[in-house]
């Protein structure tokens, strides 16, 4: 995959605060609630999916 085919990660303004709310009735850490909230953003979810696909299909991790 060439660098031109790799999508650019989303850029957010410095100091952006992500508001999140823990689910009621179950234990959920602040980190889990924040990650769940981040993945609700389409740009972040697509970026992470693309990163996972690049990592999973990278043959250099299999070489010794």
N, C-alpha and C. Protein backbone atom coordinates (compact mmCIF):
# COMPACT_ATOMS: atom_id res chain seq x y z
N UNK A 1 0.84 -1.17 0.00
CA UNK A 1 0.00 0.00 0.00
C UNK A 1 0.89 1.23 0.00
N UNK A 2 0.68 2.10 -0.92
CA UNK A 2 1.49 3.31 -0.99
C UNK A 2 0.97 4.34 0.00
N UNK A 3 1.81 5.34 0.28
CA UNK A 3 1.41 6.38 1.23
C UNK A 3 0.22 7.19 0.73
N UNK A 4 0.04 7.24 -0.57
CA UNK A 4 -1.07 7.99 -1.12
C UNK A 4 -2.40 7.30 -0.85
N UNK A 5 -2.40 6.00 -0.66
CA UNK A 5 -3.62 5.25 -0.41
C UNK A 5 -4.01 5.25 1.07
N UNK A 6 -3.08 5.59 1.95
CA UNK A 6 -3.36 5.57 3.38
C UNK A 6 -4.16 6.81 3.73
N UNK A 7 -5.34 6.63 4.32
CA UNK A 7 -6.13 7.80 4.70
C UNK A 7 -5.47 8.54 5.86
N UNK A 8 -5.64 9.84 5.89
CA UNK A 8 -5.07 10.65 6.96
C UNK A 8 -5.94 10.56 8.21
N UNK A 9 -5.29 10.50 9.35
CA UNK A 9 -6.02 10.44 10.61
C UNK A 9 -6.74 11.77 10.86
N UNK A 10 -7.88 11.71 11.55
CA UNK A 10 -8.58 12.96 11.85
C UNK A 10 -7.76 13.83 12.79
N UNK A 11 -7.86 15.14 12.62
CA UNK A 11 -7.14 16.09 13.47
C UNK A 11 -8.18 16.88 14.25
N UNK A 12 -7.99 16.95 15.55
CA UNK A 12 -8.90 17.67 16.41
C UNK A 12 -8.18 18.85 17.03
N UNK A 13 -8.89 19.91 17.37
CA UNK A 13 -8.23 21.08 17.96
C UNK A 13 -7.54 20.73 19.27
N UNK A 14 -6.43 21.41 19.53
CA UNK A 14 -5.70 21.17 20.76
C UNK A 14 -6.60 21.51 21.95
N UNK A 15 -6.59 20.67 22.95
CA UNK A 15 -7.38 20.91 24.14
C UNK A 15 -8.80 20.41 24.05
N UNK A 16 -9.14 19.69 22.99
CA UNK A 16 -10.50 19.18 22.85
C UNK A 16 -10.79 18.22 24.00
N UNK A 17 -11.92 18.42 24.64
CA UNK A 17 -12.35 17.57 25.74
C UNK A 17 -13.48 16.67 25.25
N UNK A 18 -13.35 15.39 25.47
CA UNK A 18 -14.38 14.45 25.08
C UNK A 18 -15.29 14.21 26.27
N UNK A 19 -16.55 14.53 26.11
CA UNK A 19 -17.49 14.26 27.20
C UNK A 19 -17.97 12.82 27.07
N UNK A 20 -18.03 12.14 28.18
CA UNK A 20 -18.48 10.76 28.17
C UNK A 20 -19.31 10.51 29.42
N UNK A 21 -20.15 9.53 29.33
CA UNK A 21 -21.00 9.18 30.46
C UNK A 21 -20.93 7.67 30.63
N UNK A 22 -20.69 7.25 31.86
CA UNK A 22 -20.64 5.82 32.14
C UNK A 22 -22.04 5.24 32.05
N UNK A 23 -22.12 3.99 31.62
CA UNK A 23 -23.40 3.30 31.56
C UNK A 23 -23.86 2.97 32.98
N UNK A 24 -25.11 3.13 33.22
CA UNK A 24 -25.65 2.86 34.55
C UNK A 24 -26.00 1.38 34.68
N UNK A 25 -25.91 0.88 35.91
CA UNK A 25 -26.30 -0.49 36.19
C UNK A 25 -25.19 -1.51 36.03
N UNK A 26 -24.05 -1.11 35.44
CA UNK A 26 -22.91 -2.02 35.29
C UNK A 26 -21.65 -1.26 35.65
N UNK A 27 -20.60 -1.99 35.98
CA UNK A 27 -19.32 -1.34 36.23
C UNK A 27 -18.68 -1.00 34.88
N UNK A 28 -18.25 0.24 34.76
CA UNK A 28 -17.53 0.66 33.56
C UNK A 28 -16.50 1.70 34.00
N UNK A 29 -15.25 1.48 33.66
CA UNK A 29 -14.20 2.42 34.03
C UNK A 29 -14.30 3.68 33.18
N UNK A 30 -13.62 4.74 33.61
CA UNK A 30 -13.60 5.98 32.85
C UNK A 30 -12.98 5.76 31.47
N UNK A 31 -11.92 4.95 31.44
CA UNK A 31 -11.23 4.69 30.17
C UNK A 31 -12.15 3.96 29.19
N UNK A 32 -12.86 2.95 29.67
CA UNK A 32 -13.77 2.20 28.80
C UNK A 32 -14.88 3.11 28.28
N UNK A 33 -15.42 3.94 29.15
CA UNK A 33 -16.48 4.87 28.73
C UNK A 33 -15.96 5.86 27.70
N UNK A 34 -14.73 6.36 27.90
CA UNK A 34 -14.15 7.30 26.94
C UNK A 34 -13.91 6.64 25.60
N UNK A 35 -13.35 5.42 25.59
CA UNK A 35 -13.10 4.72 24.33
C UNK A 35 -14.40 4.42 23.60
N UNK A 36 -15.42 4.02 24.35
CA UNK A 36 -16.72 3.77 23.73
C UNK A 36 -17.24 5.05 23.08
N UNK A 37 -17.06 6.18 23.77
CA UNK A 37 -17.51 7.47 23.24
C UNK A 37 -16.70 7.86 21.99
N UNK A 38 -15.40 7.64 22.02
CA UNK A 38 -14.56 7.98 20.87
C UNK A 38 -14.96 7.18 19.64
N UNK A 39 -15.27 5.89 19.83
CA UNK A 39 -15.63 5.05 18.69
C UNK A 39 -17.01 5.37 18.13
N UNK A 40 -17.77 6.21 18.82
CA UNK A 40 -19.05 6.67 18.27
C UNK A 40 -18.82 7.71 17.18
N UNK A 41 -17.62 8.31 17.15
CA UNK A 41 -17.28 9.29 16.13
C UNK A 41 -16.88 8.54 14.86
N UNK A 42 -17.56 8.80 13.76
CA UNK A 42 -17.32 8.07 12.51
C UNK A 42 -15.88 8.21 12.02
N UNK A 43 -15.29 9.42 12.14
CA UNK A 43 -13.93 9.63 11.66
C UNK A 43 -12.93 8.79 12.45
N UNK A 44 -13.10 8.73 13.75
CA UNK A 44 -12.18 7.95 14.59
C UNK A 44 -12.37 6.46 14.33
N UNK A 45 -13.61 6.03 14.24
CA UNK A 45 -13.87 4.60 14.01
C UNK A 45 -13.26 4.16 12.68
N UNK A 46 -13.41 4.96 11.63
CA UNK A 46 -12.85 4.60 10.32
C UNK A 46 -11.32 4.60 10.36
N UNK A 47 -10.73 5.56 11.06
CA UNK A 47 -9.28 5.62 11.19
C UNK A 47 -8.75 4.38 11.90
N UNK A 48 -9.40 3.97 12.97
CA UNK A 48 -8.96 2.79 13.71
C UNK A 48 -9.16 1.51 12.91
N UNK A 49 -10.22 1.44 12.13
CA UNK A 49 -10.45 0.28 11.29
C UNK A 49 -9.34 0.17 10.24
N UNK A 50 -8.99 1.31 9.62
CA UNK A 50 -7.94 1.31 8.60
C UNK A 50 -6.59 0.95 9.22
N UNK A 51 -6.31 1.46 10.42
CA UNK A 51 -5.05 1.14 11.10
C UNK A 51 -4.98 -0.35 11.41
N UNK A 52 -6.09 -0.92 11.86
CA UNK A 52 -6.12 -2.35 12.16
C UNK A 52 -5.88 -3.16 10.90
N UNK A 53 -6.50 -2.78 9.80
CA UNK A 53 -6.31 -3.51 8.53
C UNK A 53 -4.86 -3.42 8.06
N UNK A 54 -4.23 -2.24 8.19
CA UNK A 54 -2.83 -2.10 7.80
C UNK A 54 -1.95 -2.98 8.67
N UNK A 55 -2.18 -2.98 9.97
CA UNK A 55 -1.36 -3.78 10.89
C UNK A 55 -1.57 -5.27 10.63
N UNK A 56 -2.81 -5.67 10.45
CA UNK A 56 -3.12 -7.08 10.27
C UNK A 56 -2.54 -7.63 8.97
N UNK A 57 -2.48 -6.82 7.94
CA UNK A 57 -2.01 -7.27 6.63
C UNK A 57 -0.53 -6.96 6.39
N UNK A 58 0.19 -6.50 7.40
CA UNK A 58 1.60 -6.15 7.24
C UNK A 58 2.45 -7.41 7.39
N UNK A 59 3.09 -7.85 6.31
CA UNK A 59 3.89 -9.09 6.40
C UNK A 59 5.18 -8.93 7.18
N UNK A 60 5.65 -7.71 7.44
CA UNK A 60 6.92 -7.53 8.14
C UNK A 60 6.85 -8.04 9.58
N UNK A 61 5.66 -8.09 10.17
CA UNK A 61 5.52 -8.59 11.53
C UNK A 61 5.74 -10.09 11.61
N UNK A 62 5.69 -10.78 10.48
CA UNK A 62 5.87 -12.22 10.45
C UNK A 62 7.32 -12.64 10.20
N UNK A 63 8.14 -11.68 9.79
CA UNK A 63 9.53 -11.99 9.46
C UNK A 63 10.38 -11.91 10.72
N UNK A 64 11.42 -12.74 10.76
CA UNK A 64 12.33 -12.70 11.92
C UNK A 64 13.67 -12.21 11.52
